Amino acid sequence: MRRQIGVGAAGIVALSILPVVGLIAPLLGGGLAGRHTDESPQRGAVAGAGAGAVASLVGLPLALAAGVAAAATAWPLAAAVFAGTVTLALYNTGLGALGGYAAHLLATTEPPETDGAVDRLREEYLADAVDEGEFERRLERALRDDSEGSETESPADATRPGDTETTGSRLSERL
């Protein structure tokens, strides 16, 4: 996970110099880190938070120098620099964690498996192999069978008044 954190932190630092994009750089860098974790979305969040924390460390020497310079003039200014540094570190870490969690979750979510029956029916309809009425009837049946988990055609679908096809040929064409 160290490599993912390093890549995410480098992404945050690189993106933070861009106008406007710099505001969401921790989210994007954390997403980059969390996307490539192999475990759970929570591990993606940890990688993203780590990337945000490491990226915050990059700016720490600059913040320390600014704090020392501010302390030489007035302690309230030094306190403001310190508070800003802590706030920025929390912002980077929190947004990095959110990006890591979301990216890992999106990367591992698989679309539901389908048998492609609706896609085949759509292709037949577009190729003018079936008319609109037949398309609607077969689509309704395919969706109903899919929701019921049924593999056989019901007796009500086997014969309909006005159908010119035989039951056997319709069953062989069945989605």
N, C-alpha and C. Protein backbone atom coordinates (compact mmCIF):
# COMPACT_ATOMS: atom_id res chain seq x y z
N MET A 1 0.83 -1.19 0.00
CA MET A 1 0.00 0.00 0.00
C MET A 1 0.87 1.26 0.00
N ARG A 2 2.13 1.12 0.33
CA ARG A 2 3.02 2.29 0.33
C ARG A 2 3.13 2.91 -1.05
N ARG A 3 3.19 2.04 -2.05
CA ARG A 3 3.31 2.56 -3.42
C ARG A 3 2.06 3.35 -3.80
N GLN A 4 0.87 2.83 -3.45
CA GLN A 4 -0.37 3.55 -3.77
C GLN A 4 -0.43 4.90 -3.06
N ILE A 5 0.01 4.92 -1.81
CA ILE A 5 0.03 6.19 -1.06
C ILE A 5 0.98 7.18 -1.72
N GLY A 6 2.16 6.71 -2.12
CA GLY A 6 3.13 7.59 -2.78
C GLY A 6 2.61 8.14 -4.10
N VAL A 7 1.98 7.27 -4.88
CA VAL A 7 1.41 7.71 -6.17
C VAL A 7 0.28 8.72 -5.93
N GLY A 8 -0.56 8.43 -4.96
CA GLY A 8 -1.65 9.35 -4.65
C GLY A 8 -1.15 10.70 -4.15
N ALA A 9 -0.12 10.68 -3.29
CA ALA A 9 0.45 11.93 -2.78
C ALA A 9 1.08 12.73 -3.91
N ALA A 10 1.78 12.05 -4.81
CA ALA A 10 2.37 12.75 -5.96
C ALA A 10 1.27 13.37 -6.82
N GLY A 11 0.17 12.65 -6.97
CA GLY A 11 -0.95 13.20 -7.73
C GLY A 11 -1.54 14.44 -7.07
N ILE A 12 -1.67 14.39 -5.75
CA ILE A 12 -2.20 15.56 -5.03
C ILE A 12 -1.29 16.76 -5.21
N VAL A 13 0.01 16.56 -5.02
CA VAL A 13 0.97 17.67 -5.14
C VAL A 13 0.96 18.22 -6.56
N ALA A 14 0.95 17.33 -7.55
CA ALA A 14 0.98 17.79 -8.94
C ALA A 14 -0.30 18.54 -9.32
N LEU A 15 -1.44 18.04 -8.86
CA LEU A 15 -2.70 18.69 -9.22
C LEU A 15 -2.99 19.95 -8.41
N SER A 16 -2.37 20.06 -7.25
CA SER A 16 -2.67 21.21 -6.39
C SER A 16 -2.15 22.53 -6.95
N ILE A 17 -1.25 22.48 -7.92
CA ILE A 17 -0.74 23.73 -8.49
C ILE A 17 -1.67 24.28 -9.58
N LEU A 18 -2.63 23.47 -10.02
CA LEU A 18 -3.56 23.92 -11.06
C LEU A 18 -4.67 24.76 -10.45
N PRO A 19 -5.04 25.85 -11.10
CA PRO A 19 -6.15 26.65 -10.57
C PRO A 19 -7.44 25.85 -10.57
N VAL A 20 -8.24 26.03 -9.59
CA VAL A 20 -9.55 25.40 -9.38
C VAL A 20 -9.41 23.90 -9.12
N VAL A 21 -8.66 23.18 -9.93
CA VAL A 21 -8.47 21.75 -9.73
C VAL A 21 -7.76 21.49 -8.42
N GLY A 22 -6.93 22.44 -8.00
CA GLY A 22 -6.21 22.31 -6.74
C GLY A 22 -7.13 22.14 -5.55
N LEU A 23 -8.35 22.64 -5.65
CA LEU A 23 -9.31 22.50 -4.55
C LEU A 23 -9.75 21.06 -4.35
N ILE A 24 -9.81 20.30 -5.45
CA ILE A 24 -10.24 18.91 -5.34
C ILE A 24 -9.07 17.95 -5.57
N ALA A 25 -7.86 18.46 -5.57
CA ALA A 25 -6.67 17.61 -5.76
C ALA A 25 -6.60 16.48 -4.74
N PRO A 26 -6.90 16.71 -3.45
CA PRO A 26 -6.85 15.59 -2.51
C PRO A 26 -7.88 14.50 -2.84
N LEU A 27 -9.02 14.90 -3.33
CA LEU A 27 -10.05 13.93 -3.73
C LEU A 27 -9.55 13.07 -4.89
N LEU A 28 -8.96 13.71 -5.89
CA LEU A 28 -8.46 13.00 -7.06
C LEU A 28 -7.24 12.14 -6.72
N GLY A 29 -6.31 12.69 -5.95
CA GLY A 29 -5.13 11.93 -5.56
C GLY A 29 -5.48 10.77 -4.64
N GLY A 30 -6.41 11.01 -3.72
CA GLY A 30 -6.87 9.92 -2.86
C GLY A 30 -7.56 8.83 -3.67
N GLY A 31 -8.30 9.26 -4.70
CA GLY A 31 -8.93 8.28 -5.59
C GLY A 31 -7.91 7.48 -6.35
N LEU A 32 -6.85 8.13 -6.75
CA LEU A 32 -5.77 7.44 -7.45
C LEU A 32 -5.13 6.39 -6.53
N ALA A 33 -4.94 6.73 -5.28
CA ALA A 33 -4.35 5.79 -4.32
C ALA A 33 -5.32 4.66 -3.99
N GLY A 34 -6.57 4.99 -3.75
CA GLY A 34 -7.55 3.98 -3.34
C GLY A 34 -8.00 3.07 -4.45
N ARG A 35 -7.89 3.52 -5.67
CA ARG A 35 -8.34 2.74 -6.82
C ARG A 35 -7.55 1.45 -6.98
N HIS A 36 -6.31 1.47 -6.59
CA HIS A 36 -5.44 0.33 -6.84
C HIS A 36 -5.17 -0.52 -5.60
N THR A 37 -5.98 -0.40 -4.59
CA THR A 37 -5.85 -1.30 -3.45
C THR A 37 -6.64 -2.57 -3.74
N ASP A 38 -6.16 -3.67 -3.21
CA ASP A 38 -6.77 -4.96 -3.54
C ASP A 38 -7.80 -5.42 -2.53
N GLU A 39 -7.90 -4.77 -1.41
CA GLU A 39 -8.79 -5.26 -0.38
C GLU A 39 -10.16 -4.58 -0.46
N SER A 40 -10.60 -4.03 0.62
CA SER A 40 -11.93 -3.45 0.73
C SER A 40 -11.93 -1.94 0.46
N PRO A 41 -13.12 -1.36 0.31
CA PRO A 41 -13.18 0.10 0.16
C PRO A 41 -12.59 0.84 1.37
N GLN A 42 -12.67 0.22 2.54
CA GLN A 42 -12.07 0.84 3.72
C GLN A 42 -10.55 0.95 3.56
N ARG A 43 -9.93 -0.06 2.95
CA ARG A 43 -8.50 0.01 2.69
C ARG A 43 -8.21 1.10 1.65
N GLY A 44 -9.14 1.28 0.70
CA GLY A 44 -9.00 2.37 -0.25
C GLY A 44 -9.04 3.71 0.44
N ALA A 45 -9.91 3.82 1.46
CA ALA A 45 -9.99 5.07 2.24
C ALA A 45 -8.70 5.30 3.01
N VAL A 46 -8.13 4.24 3.56
CA VAL A 46 -6.87 4.37 4.30
C VAL A 46 -5.75 4.82 3.36
N ALA A 47 -5.71 4.23 2.16
CA ALA A 47 -4.69 4.64 1.18
C ALA A 47 -4.89 6.10 0.78
N GLY A 48 -6.13 6.50 0.56
CA GLY A 48 -6.41 7.89 0.20
C GLY A 48 -6.06 8.86 1.31
N ALA A 49 -6.38 8.48 2.56
CA ALA A 49 -6.04 9.33 3.71
C ALA A 49 -4.52 9.43 3.85
N GLY A 50 -3.84 8.32 3.65
CA GLY A 50 -2.37 8.33 3.71
C GLY A 50 -1.78 9.24 2.64
N ALA A 51 -2.34 9.18 1.44
CA ALA A 51 -1.86 10.06 0.37
C ALA A 51 -2.08 11.53 0.73
N GLY A 52 -3.22 11.84 1.32
CA GLY A 52 -3.49 13.22 1.73
C GLY A 52 -2.54 13.67 2.84
N ALA A 53 -2.26 12.78 3.78
CA ALA A 53 -1.35 13.13 4.87
C ALA A 53 0.08 13.33 4.36
N VAL A 54 0.52 12.45 3.46
CA VAL A 54 1.87 12.59 2.91
C VAL A 54 1.98 13.87 2.08
N ALA A 55 0.95 14.17 1.32
CA ALA A 55 0.97 15.41 0.53
C ALA A 55 1.01 16.63 1.45
N SER A 56 0.37 16.54 2.60
CA SER A 56 0.41 17.65 3.56
C SER A 56 1.81 17.83 4.12
N LEU A 57 2.55 16.73 4.26
CA LEU A 57 3.92 16.82 4.77
C LEU A 57 4.84 17.57 3.81
N VAL A 58 4.50 17.54 2.53
CA VAL A 58 5.32 18.25 1.54
C VAL A 58 5.32 19.75 1.82
N GLY A 59 4.18 20.27 2.21
CA GLY A 59 4.08 21.70 2.49
C GLY A 59 4.48 22.09 3.90
N LEU A 60 4.81 21.11 4.74
CA LEU A 60 5.14 21.40 6.13
C LEU A 60 6.37 22.29 6.30
N PRO A 61 7.46 22.10 5.57
CA PRO A 61 8.61 23.00 5.74
C PRO A 61 8.26 24.46 5.41
N LEU A 62 7.47 24.66 4.39
CA LEU A 62 7.05 26.02 4.03
C LEU A 62 6.18 26.62 5.14
N ALA A 63 5.26 25.81 5.68
CA ALA A 63 4.41 26.30 6.77
C ALA A 63 5.23 26.59 8.02
N LEU A 64 6.22 25.77 8.29
CA LEU A 64 7.10 26.00 9.45
C LEU A 64 7.88 27.30 9.30
N ALA A 65 8.40 27.53 8.10
CA ALA A 65 9.14 28.78 7.84
C ALA A 65 8.21 29.99 7.99
N ALA A 66 7.00 29.86 7.48
CA ALA A 66 6.04 30.97 7.59
C ALA A 66 5.65 31.19 9.05
N GLY A 67 5.53 30.11 9.82
CA GLY A 67 5.20 30.24 11.25
C GLY A 67 6.30 30.92 12.03
N VAL A 68 7.53 30.59 11.73
CA VAL A 68 8.67 31.23 12.41
C VAL A 68 8.74 32.71 12.06
N ALA A 69 8.54 33.02 10.78
CA ALA A 69 8.54 34.43 10.38
C ALA A 69 7.39 35.18 11.02
N ALA A 70 6.24 34.54 11.11
CA ALA A 70 5.08 35.19 11.72
C ALA A 70 5.27 35.37 13.22
N ALA A 71 5.93 34.42 13.86
CA ALA A 71 6.14 34.52 15.31
C ALA A 71 7.06 35.68 15.65
N ALA A 72 7.92 36.04 14.70
CA ALA A 72 8.83 37.16 14.95
C ALA A 72 8.08 38.48 14.96
N THR A 73 6.92 38.54 14.30
CA THR A 73 6.16 39.80 14.25
C THR A 73 5.04 39.82 15.27
N ALA A 74 4.24 38.77 15.34
CA ALA A 74 3.11 38.77 16.27
C ALA A 74 2.64 37.33 16.48
N TRP A 75 2.38 36.98 17.74
CA TRP A 75 1.95 35.61 18.03
C TRP A 75 0.59 35.28 17.43
N PRO A 76 -0.38 36.22 17.30
CA PRO A 76 -1.65 35.83 16.67
C PRO A 76 -1.47 35.40 15.21
N LEU A 77 -0.53 36.03 14.53
CA LEU A 77 -0.26 35.65 13.16
C LEU A 77 0.34 34.24 13.10
N ALA A 78 1.23 33.93 14.03
CA ALA A 78 1.81 32.59 14.11
C ALA A 78 0.74 31.55 14.41
N ALA A 79 -0.20 31.90 15.28
CA ALA A 79 -1.31 30.98 15.61
C ALA A 79 -2.20 30.75 14.39
N ALA A 80 -2.41 31.79 13.60
CA ALA A 80 -3.23 31.66 12.40
C ALA A 80 -2.53 30.76 11.37
N VAL A 81 -1.22 30.91 11.24
CA VAL A 81 -0.46 30.06 10.31
C VAL A 81 -0.54 28.61 10.78
N PHE A 82 -0.39 28.40 12.09
CA PHE A 82 -0.47 27.04 12.63
C PHE A 82 -1.86 26.44 12.39
N ALA A 83 -2.90 27.21 12.68
CA ALA A 83 -4.27 26.73 12.48
C ALA A 83 -4.55 26.42 11.01
N GLY A 84 -4.04 27.28 10.14
CA GLY A 84 -4.22 27.04 8.70
C GLY A 84 -3.52 25.77 8.24
N THR A 85 -2.33 25.52 8.79
CA THR A 85 -1.57 24.31 8.44
C THR A 85 -2.31 23.05 8.90
N VAL A 86 -2.82 23.08 10.11
CA VAL A 86 -3.58 21.93 10.63
C VAL A 86 -4.86 21.72 9.82
N THR A 87 -5.53 22.81 9.52
CA THR A 87 -6.77 22.72 8.73
C THR A 87 -6.49 22.14 7.35
N LEU A 88 -5.43 22.57 6.72
CA LEU A 88 -5.07 22.06 5.40
C LEU A 88 -4.72 20.58 5.47
N ALA A 89 -4.01 20.18 6.50
CA ALA A 89 -3.66 18.76 6.65
C ALA A 89 -4.92 17.91 6.85
N LEU A 90 -5.84 18.39 7.66
CA LEU A 90 -7.10 17.66 7.86
C LEU A 90 -7.94 17.62 6.58
N TYR A 91 -7.96 18.70 5.85
CA TYR A 91 -8.67 18.78 4.58
C TYR A 91 -8.10 17.77 3.58
N ASN A 92 -6.77 17.77 3.44
CA ASN A 92 -6.13 16.83 2.51
C ASN A 92 -6.38 15.39 2.92
N THR A 93 -6.26 15.10 4.20
CA THR A 93 -6.44 13.73 4.68
C THR A 93 -7.89 13.28 4.53
N GLY A 94 -8.81 14.11 4.93
CA GLY A 94 -10.23 13.74 4.84
C GLY A 94 -10.71 13.59 3.41
N LEU A 95 -10.37 14.54 2.56
CA LEU A 95 -10.80 14.46 1.16
C LEU A 95 -10.08 13.32 0.44
N GLY A 96 -8.84 13.05 0.82
CA GLY A 96 -8.12 11.91 0.25
C GLY A 96 -8.78 10.60 0.63
N ALA A 97 -9.22 10.49 1.89
CA ALA A 97 -9.92 9.28 2.35
C ALA A 97 -11.23 9.09 1.58
N LEU A 98 -11.96 10.17 1.40
CA LEU A 98 -13.21 10.08 0.64
C LEU A 98 -12.96 9.65 -0.81
N GLY A 99 -11.95 10.23 -1.42
CA GLY A 99 -11.61 9.86 -2.79
C GLY A 99 -11.16 8.42 -2.89
N GLY A 100 -10.36 7.95 -1.95
CA GLY A 100 -9.89 6.57 -1.95
C GLY A 100 -11.02 5.58 -1.78
N TYR A 101 -11.93 5.89 -0.87
CA TYR A 101 -13.08 5.01 -0.63
C TYR A 101 -13.96 4.93 -1.87
N ALA A 102 -14.30 6.08 -2.42
CA ALA A 102 -15.18 6.12 -3.59
C ALA A 102 -14.55 5.47 -4.80
N ALA A 103 -13.27 5.73 -5.03
CA ALA A 103 -12.60 5.15 -6.21
C ALA A 103 -12.51 3.64 -6.11
N HIS A 104 -12.20 3.12 -4.93
CA HIS A 104 -12.13 1.67 -4.78
C HIS A 104 -13.50 1.05 -4.94
N LEU A 105 -14.50 1.68 -4.39
CA LEU A 105 -15.87 1.17 -4.49
C LEU A 105 -16.32 1.16 -5.94
N LEU A 106 -16.06 2.22 -6.67
CA LEU A 106 -16.45 2.29 -8.07
C LEU A 106 -15.65 1.32 -8.94
N ALA A 107 -14.40 1.11 -8.59
CA ALA A 107 -13.55 0.22 -9.40
C ALA A 107 -13.92 -1.24 -9.22
N THR A 108 -14.45 -1.61 -8.08
CA THR A 108 -14.75 -3.02 -7.83
C THR A 108 -16.21 -3.37 -8.01
N THR A 109 -17.06 -2.39 -8.23
CA THR A 109 -18.46 -2.68 -8.44
C THR A 109 -18.66 -3.19 -9.86
N GLU A 110 -19.17 -4.41 -9.97
CA GLU A 110 -19.38 -5.00 -11.27
C GLU A 110 -20.83 -4.83 -11.69
N PRO A 111 -21.07 -4.61 -12.97
CA PRO A 111 -22.45 -4.49 -13.42
C PRO A 111 -23.16 -5.83 -13.27
N PRO A 112 -24.47 -5.81 -13.10
CA PRO A 112 -25.19 -7.06 -12.95
C PRO A 112 -25.08 -7.89 -14.22
N GLU A 113 -24.99 -9.20 -14.02
CA GLU A 113 -24.88 -10.08 -15.17
C GLU A 113 -26.23 -10.23 -15.84
N THR A 114 -26.23 -10.16 -17.14
CA THR A 114 -27.45 -10.37 -17.91
C THR A 114 -27.16 -11.43 -18.95
N ASP A 115 -28.21 -12.06 -19.42
CA ASP A 115 -28.02 -13.09 -20.43
C ASP A 115 -28.00 -12.50 -21.84
N GLY A 116 -28.19 -11.20 -21.95
CA GLY A 116 -28.14 -10.55 -23.25
C GLY A 116 -29.40 -10.70 -24.07
N ALA A 117 -30.47 -11.26 -23.49
CA ALA A 117 -31.70 -11.48 -24.24
C ALA A 117 -32.31 -10.17 -24.72
N VAL A 118 -32.33 -9.18 -23.87
CA VAL A 118 -32.91 -7.89 -24.25
C VAL A 118 -32.05 -7.24 -25.34
N ASP A 119 -30.73 -7.38 -25.24
CA ASP A 119 -29.85 -6.83 -26.27
C ASP A 119 -30.08 -7.50 -27.61
N ARG A 120 -30.21 -8.84 -27.60
CA ARG A 120 -30.48 -9.56 -28.85
C ARG A 120 -31.82 -9.14 -29.44
N LEU A 121 -32.83 -8.99 -28.59
CA LEU A 121 -34.14 -8.57 -29.06
C LEU A 121 -34.09 -7.18 -29.67
N ARG A 122 -33.35 -6.28 -29.03
CA ARG A 122 -33.21 -4.93 -29.55
C ARG A 122 -32.53 -4.95 -30.92
N GLU A 123 -31.50 -5.78 -31.05
CA GLU A 123 -30.82 -5.88 -32.34
C GLU A 123 -31.75 -6.42 -33.43
N GLU A 124 -32.58 -7.41 -33.08
CA GLU A 124 -33.55 -7.95 -34.04
C GLU A 124 -34.54 -6.87 -34.46
N TYR A 125 -35.00 -6.08 -33.50
CA TYR A 125 -35.96 -5.03 -33.80
C TYR A 125 -35.34 -3.97 -34.71
N LEU A 126 -34.11 -3.59 -34.41
CA LEU A 126 -33.44 -2.58 -35.23
C LEU A 126 -33.15 -3.10 -36.64
N ALA A 127 -32.97 -4.41 -36.76
CA ALA A 127 -32.72 -5.00 -38.07
C ALA A 127 -34.02 -5.34 -38.79
N ASP A 128 -35.15 -4.91 -38.25
CA ASP A 128 -36.49 -5.17 -38.81
C ASP A 128 -36.80 -6.66 -38.91
N ALA A 129 -36.23 -7.47 -38.03
CA ALA A 129 -36.54 -8.90 -38.01
C ALA A 129 -37.84 -9.16 -37.25
N VAL A 130 -38.22 -8.24 -36.36
CA VAL A 130 -39.50 -8.35 -35.64
C VAL A 130 -40.19 -7.00 -35.72
N ASP A 131 -41.52 -7.04 -35.73
CA ASP A 131 -42.27 -5.78 -35.77
C ASP A 131 -42.44 -5.23 -34.35
N GLU A 132 -43.02 -4.06 -34.26
CA GLU A 132 -43.13 -3.39 -32.96
C GLU A 132 -43.97 -4.18 -31.97
N GLY A 133 -45.08 -4.71 -32.41
CA GLY A 133 -45.94 -5.49 -31.51
C GLY A 133 -45.24 -6.72 -30.96
N GLU A 134 -44.56 -7.45 -31.85
CA GLU A 134 -43.81 -8.64 -31.43
C GLU A 134 -42.67 -8.24 -30.49
N PHE A 135 -42.00 -7.14 -30.80
CA PHE A 135 -40.92 -6.65 -29.95
C PHE A 135 -41.43 -6.36 -28.54
N GLU A 136 -42.54 -5.64 -28.44
CA GLU A 136 -43.09 -5.29 -27.12
C GLU A 136 -43.52 -6.53 -26.36
N ARG A 137 -44.14 -7.47 -27.04
CA ARG A 137 -44.62 -8.68 -26.38
C ARG A 137 -43.43 -9.51 -25.87
N ARG A 138 -42.41 -9.68 -26.71
CA ARG A 138 -41.26 -10.47 -26.30
C ARG A 138 -40.43 -9.76 -25.23
N LEU A 139 -40.38 -8.44 -25.30
CA LEU A 139 -39.66 -7.69 -24.28
C LEU A 139 -40.35 -7.83 -22.93
N GLU A 140 -41.66 -7.70 -22.93
CA GLU A 140 -42.42 -7.86 -21.69
C GLU A 140 -42.21 -9.25 -21.10
N ARG A 141 -42.24 -10.26 -21.95
CA ARG A 141 -42.06 -11.63 -21.49
C ARG A 141 -40.63 -11.83 -20.95
N ALA A 142 -39.64 -11.28 -21.64
CA ALA A 142 -38.25 -11.44 -21.19
C ALA A 142 -38.04 -10.75 -19.84
N LEU A 143 -38.60 -9.58 -19.68
CA LEU A 143 -38.45 -8.87 -18.41
C LEU A 143 -39.19 -9.58 -17.29
N ARG A 144 -40.37 -10.11 -17.59
CA ARG A 144 -41.14 -10.83 -16.58
C ARG A 144 -40.40 -12.11 -16.19
N ASP A 145 -39.90 -12.85 -17.17
CA ASP A 145 -39.17 -14.08 -16.88
C ASP A 145 -37.91 -13.79 -16.09
N ASP A 146 -37.25 -12.69 -16.41
CA ASP A 146 -36.03 -12.31 -15.70
C ASP A 146 -36.33 -12.00 -14.24
N SER A 147 -37.44 -11.29 -14.00
CA SER A 147 -37.77 -10.92 -12.62
C SER A 147 -38.28 -12.12 -11.83
N GLU A 148 -38.91 -13.08 -12.50
CA GLU A 148 -39.41 -14.26 -11.81
C GLU A 148 -38.38 -15.36 -11.73
N GLY A 149 -37.35 -15.27 -12.57
CA GLY A 149 -36.36 -16.32 -12.60
C GLY A 149 -36.86 -17.56 -13.31
N SER A 150 -37.91 -17.43 -14.08
CA SER A 150 -38.52 -18.55 -14.76
C SER A 150 -37.77 -18.87 -16.04
N GLU A 151 -37.62 -20.16 -16.33
CA GLU A 151 -36.95 -20.59 -17.55
C GLU A 151 -37.92 -21.17 -18.56
N THR A 152 -39.19 -21.30 -18.21
CA THR A 152 -40.15 -21.89 -19.13
C THR A 152 -41.21 -20.87 -19.48
N GLU A 153 -41.81 -21.04 -20.62
CA GLU A 153 -42.85 -20.13 -21.07
C GLU A 153 -44.17 -20.54 -20.43
N SER A 154 -44.94 -19.59 -19.99
CA SER A 154 -46.21 -19.90 -19.35
C SER A 154 -47.23 -20.30 -20.41
N PRO A 155 -48.26 -21.06 -20.04
CA PRO A 155 -49.27 -21.46 -21.02
C PRO A 155 -49.98 -20.28 -21.66
N ALA A 156 -50.11 -19.18 -20.94
CA ALA A 156 -50.78 -18.01 -21.50
C ALA A 156 -49.98 -17.41 -22.65
N ASP A 157 -48.64 -17.55 -22.58
CA ASP A 157 -47.80 -17.01 -23.64
C ASP A 157 -47.66 -17.97 -24.82
N ALA A 158 -48.01 -19.25 -24.61
CA ALA A 158 -47.79 -20.25 -25.65
C ALA A 158 -48.67 -19.99 -26.87
N THR A 159 -49.91 -19.60 -26.67
CA THR A 159 -50.79 -19.32 -27.82
C THR A 159 -51.53 -18.03 -27.57
N ARG A 160 -51.59 -17.22 -28.58
CA ARG A 160 -52.33 -15.96 -28.51
C ARG A 160 -53.17 -15.88 -29.77
N PRO A 161 -54.35 -15.37 -29.65
CA PRO A 161 -55.18 -15.22 -30.84
C PRO A 161 -54.51 -14.29 -31.84
N GLY A 162 -54.50 -14.69 -33.09
CA GLY A 162 -53.94 -13.85 -34.14
C GLY A 162 -52.49 -14.13 -34.41
N ASP A 163 -51.84 -15.00 -33.61
CA ASP A 163 -50.44 -15.33 -33.87
C ASP A 163 -50.36 -16.23 -35.09
N THR A 164 -49.41 -16.00 -35.95
CA THR A 164 -49.25 -16.82 -37.14
C THR A 164 -48.16 -17.86 -36.95
N GLU A 165 -47.39 -17.74 -35.89
CA GLU A 165 -46.32 -18.69 -35.64
C GLU A 165 -46.85 -19.88 -34.86
N THR A 166 -46.21 -20.99 -34.98
CA THR A 166 -46.57 -22.15 -34.17
C THR A 166 -45.85 -22.05 -32.85
N THR A 167 -46.36 -22.77 -31.87
CA THR A 167 -45.79 -22.72 -30.54
C THR A 167 -44.34 -23.20 -30.55
N GLY A 168 -44.05 -24.26 -31.28
CA GLY A 168 -42.70 -24.80 -31.32
C GLY A 168 -41.70 -23.82 -31.88
N SER A 169 -42.05 -23.11 -32.95
CA SER A 169 -41.09 -22.17 -33.53
C SER A 169 -40.90 -20.97 -32.62
N ARG A 170 -41.97 -20.55 -31.92
CA ARG A 170 -41.83 -19.42 -30.99
C ARG A 170 -40.98 -19.80 -29.80
N LEU A 171 -41.09 -21.04 -29.34
CA LEU A 171 -40.26 -21.47 -28.21
C LEU A 171 -38.79 -21.51 -28.62
N SER A 172 -38.51 -21.88 -29.85
CA SER A 172 -37.11 -21.93 -30.28
C SER A 172 -36.54 -20.53 -30.44
N GLU A 173 -37.39 -19.56 -30.73
CA GLU A 173 -36.92 -18.18 -30.85
C GLU A 173 -36.89 -17.45 -29.52
N ARG A 174 -37.45 -18.11 -28.50
CA ARG A 174 -37.62 -17.46 -27.20
C ARG A 174 -36.31 -16.92 -26.68
N LEU A 175 -36.41 -15.79 -26.03
CA LEU A 175 -35.22 -15.16 -25.47
C LEU A 175 -34.81 -15.95 -24.30
